Amino acid sequence: MFELLPESAEDWWEVEALYDLCFAPGRTALSSYRLRDGVDPVPGLSLVAREDGILAGAIRFWPVRIGAAHALLLGPVAVHPTHQGEGLGGLLIRESLEIARKSGWQRVMLVGDAPYYGRFGFTRLSGVEMPPPTNPARVLGLALTPGAWDGITGKVTRDA
């Protein structure tokens, strides 16, 4: 049984090691990391999953802006290889999105595979520009409140 907890400062390096394991240390060269540099993850939304105290998965959210609109940038989400295929990634995504909704956030975006994230309600965002060289077809969004993405276009920037 997995226990989901808000990520704490004590979890930081263990979570970073999990991300390195799942994505390789070169992950920080991705354009989305330019939006994370010098910015803390959103408290209470970034979660860790533990089984018997051992880290099994993690998800982080970052504050961003598109013009004057605030949004959450989801990612990374990772599951330790020994737990992949057990539905833990989906659990982390569903639970954290529900916390975001209850916390008053209106919109979430990410860079990812539409077939995977589509099952959680994410769709392609037109006119929302991540830093290059991001493939625009991989820029996805989810409205946590009805119409939250209506009319939102422009460059994604840090919201520190």
Protein backbone atom coordinates (compact mmCIF):
# COMPACT_ATOMS: atom_id res chain seq x y z
CA MET A 1 0.00 0.00 0.00
CA PHE A 2 1.38 3.39 -1.01
CA GLU A 3 1.32 6.38 1.30
CA LEU A 4 1.09 9.74 -0.49
CA LEU A 5 2.63 12.67 1.36
CA PRO A 6 3.52 16.25 0.48
CA GLU A 7 7.17 16.43 -0.53
CA SER A 8 9.29 17.92 2.25
CA ALA A 9 12.72 19.52 2.20
CA GLU A 10 14.11 16.25 3.58
CA ASP A 11 12.78 14.41 0.49
CA TRP A 12 14.50 16.70 -2.05
CA TRP A 13 17.69 14.75 -2.81
CA GLU A 14 15.98 11.37 -2.71
CA VAL A 15 13.42 12.64 -5.23
CA GLU A 16 16.21 14.10 -7.39
CA ALA A 17 17.94 10.70 -7.38
CA LEU A 18 14.68 9.05 -8.49
CA TYR A 19 14.34 11.54 -11.35
CA ASP A 20 17.94 10.89 -12.39
CA LEU A 21 17.28 7.14 -12.34
CA CYS A 22 14.11 7.46 -14.43
CA PHE A 23 15.13 10.24 -16.81
CA ALA A 24 18.97 10.41 -16.69
CA PRO A 25 20.96 13.34 -15.31
CA GLY A 26 20.72 15.17 -18.67
CA ARG A 27 17.04 15.83 -17.95
CA THR A 28 17.90 19.26 -16.59
CA ALA A 29 18.91 20.38 -20.08
CA LEU A 30 15.27 20.21 -21.21
CA SER A 31 13.58 23.53 -21.93
CA SER A 32 11.01 23.06 -19.15
CA TYR A 33 13.84 23.19 -16.60
CA ARG A 34 14.49 26.82 -17.55
CA LEU A 35 11.11 27.57 -15.99
CA ARG A 36 12.10 25.73 -12.79
CA ASP A 37 15.55 27.24 -12.21
CA GLY A 38 15.56 29.26 -9.00
CA VAL A 39 11.88 28.52 -8.30
CA ASP A 40 10.59 26.22 -5.58
CA PRO A 41 7.95 23.60 -6.37
CA VAL A 42 4.44 24.53 -5.26
CA PRO A 43 4.12 23.50 -1.60
CA GLY A 44 1.50 20.88 -0.86
CA LEU A 45 1.04 19.84 -4.50
CA SER A 46 4.37 18.12 -5.02
CA LEU A 47 3.90 14.63 -3.62
CA VAL A 48 5.97 11.58 -2.79
CA ALA A 49 4.69 8.02 -2.69
CA ARG A 50 6.27 5.68 -0.19
CA GLU A 51 5.84 2.01 0.50
CA ASP A 52 7.18 0.88 3.87
CA GLY A 53 9.08 4.17 4.03
CA ILE A 54 10.87 3.62 0.71
CA LEU A 55 10.37 6.18 -2.08
CA ALA A 56 8.36 4.62 -4.91
CA GLY A 57 7.28 7.71 -6.87
CA ALA A 58 7.15 11.49 -6.96
CA ILE A 59 5.43 14.34 -8.76
CA ARG A 60 6.22 18.04 -8.75
CA PHE A 61 4.37 21.19 -9.78
CA TRP A 62 5.85 24.62 -10.56
CA PRO A 63 4.23 28.04 -10.81
CA VAL A 64 4.28 29.57 -14.30
CA ARG A 65 2.59 32.40 -16.16
CA ILE A 66 1.18 32.73 -19.62
CA GLY A 67 0.84 36.47 -19.98
CA ALA A 68 -1.00 37.57 -16.83
CA ALA A 69 -2.54 34.14 -16.21
CA HIS A 70 -1.19 31.89 -13.49
CA ALA A 71 -0.84 28.16 -14.16
CA LEU A 72 0.80 25.06 -12.79
CA LEU A 73 3.51 23.26 -14.73
CA LEU A 74 3.26 19.55 -13.93
CA GLY A 75 6.44 17.56 -14.01
CA PRO A 76 8.34 15.58 -13.64
CA VAL A 77 6.36 12.59 -12.47
CA ALA A 78 8.36 9.43 -11.93
CA VAL A 79 7.86 5.94 -10.59
CA HIS A 80 10.74 3.75 -9.46
CA PRO A 81 11.33 0.94 -11.99
CA THR A 82 10.37 -1.68 -9.39
CA HIS A 83 6.86 -0.15 -9.22
CA GLN A 84 6.21 0.74 -12.85
CA GLY A 85 3.06 -0.76 -14.30
CA GLU A 86 1.25 -0.73 -10.94
CA GLY A 87 -0.75 2.45 -11.59
CA LEU A 88 1.28 4.59 -9.21
CA GLY A 89 1.96 7.32 -11.81
CA GLY A 90 -1.76 7.67 -12.45
CA LEU A 91 -2.48 7.76 -8.74
CA LEU A 92 0.06 10.55 -8.22
CA ILE A 93 -1.41 12.55 -11.11
CA ARG A 94 -5.06 12.14 -10.09
CA GLU A 95 -4.47 12.87 -6.40
CA SER A 96 -2.27 15.92 -7.02
CA LEU A 97 -4.70 17.36 -9.58
CA GLU A 98 -7.52 17.02 -7.07
CA ILE A 99 -5.43 18.81 -4.43
CA ALA A 100 -4.66 21.57 -6.97
CA ARG A 101 -8.37 21.95 -7.79
CA LYS A 102 -9.31 22.14 -4.10
CA SER A 103 -6.49 24.66 -3.53
CA GLY A 104 -8.02 27.06 -6.05
CA TRP A 105 -5.72 26.53 -9.02
CA GLN A 106 -7.51 26.98 -12.34
CA ARG A 107 -5.20 25.47 -14.93
CA VAL A 108 -2.38 22.96 -15.31
CA MET A 109 0.00 22.42 -18.19
CA LEU A 110 2.79 20.01 -19.06
CA VAL A 111 5.04 18.84 -21.84
CA GLY A 112 4.30 15.20 -22.54
CA ASP A 113 2.69 12.46 -24.58
CA ALA A 114 -0.93 13.21 -25.46
CA PRO A 115 -1.97 9.53 -25.51
CA TYR A 116 -0.79 9.04 -21.90
CA TYR A 117 -1.93 12.35 -20.40
CA GLY A 118 -5.16 12.46 -22.42
CA ARG A 119 -6.67 9.86 -20.09
CA PHE A 120 -6.44 12.46 -17.29
CA GLY A 121 -8.17 15.09 -19.43
CA PHE A 122 -5.13 16.89 -20.87
CA THR A 123 -5.43 18.21 -24.43
CA ARG A 124 -3.12 20.12 -26.76
CA LEU A 125 -2.80 23.83 -26.01
CA SER A 126 -2.80 26.08 -29.07
CA GLY A 127 -1.00 29.38 -28.78
CA VAL A 128 0.82 28.54 -25.54
CA GLU A 129 4.55 28.70 -26.20
CA MET A 130 7.08 26.82 -24.08
CA PRO A 131 10.75 27.83 -24.35
CA PRO A 132 12.39 26.32 -27.45
CA PRO A 133 13.06 23.70 -28.62
CA THR A 134 9.78 22.28 -27.25
CA ASN A 135 7.58 20.46 -29.75
CA PRO A 136 4.26 22.40 -29.71
CA ALA A 137 2.29 19.15 -30.14
CA ARG A 138 3.54 18.05 -26.70
CA VAL A 139 2.30 21.18 -24.87
CA LEU A 140 -0.82 19.98 -23.08
CA GLY A 141 -3.24 21.58 -20.66
CA LEU A 142 -6.07 20.76 -18.31
CA ALA A 143 -8.70 23.20 -17.05
CA LEU A 144 -9.37 22.62 -13.35
CA THR A 145 -12.29 25.04 -13.59
CA PRO A 146 -14.55 25.31 -16.64
CA GLY A 147 -13.12 27.57 -19.36
CA ALA A 148 -9.85 28.19 -17.49
CA TRP A 149 -7.79 27.98 -20.70
CA ASP A 150 -10.19 30.05 -22.81
CA GLY A 151 -8.29 32.94 -24.40
CA ILE A 152 -4.99 32.08 -22.71
CA THR A 153 -2.13 32.39 -25.18
CA GLY A 154 1.46 33.53 -25.19
CA LYS A 155 4.87 32.59 -23.89
CA VAL A 156 5.21 30.54 -20.73
CA THR A 157 7.44 32.24 -18.14
CA ARG A 158 8.48 31.64 -14.55
CA ASP A 159 6.12 32.83 -11.84
CA ALA A 160 8.41 33.14 -8.85
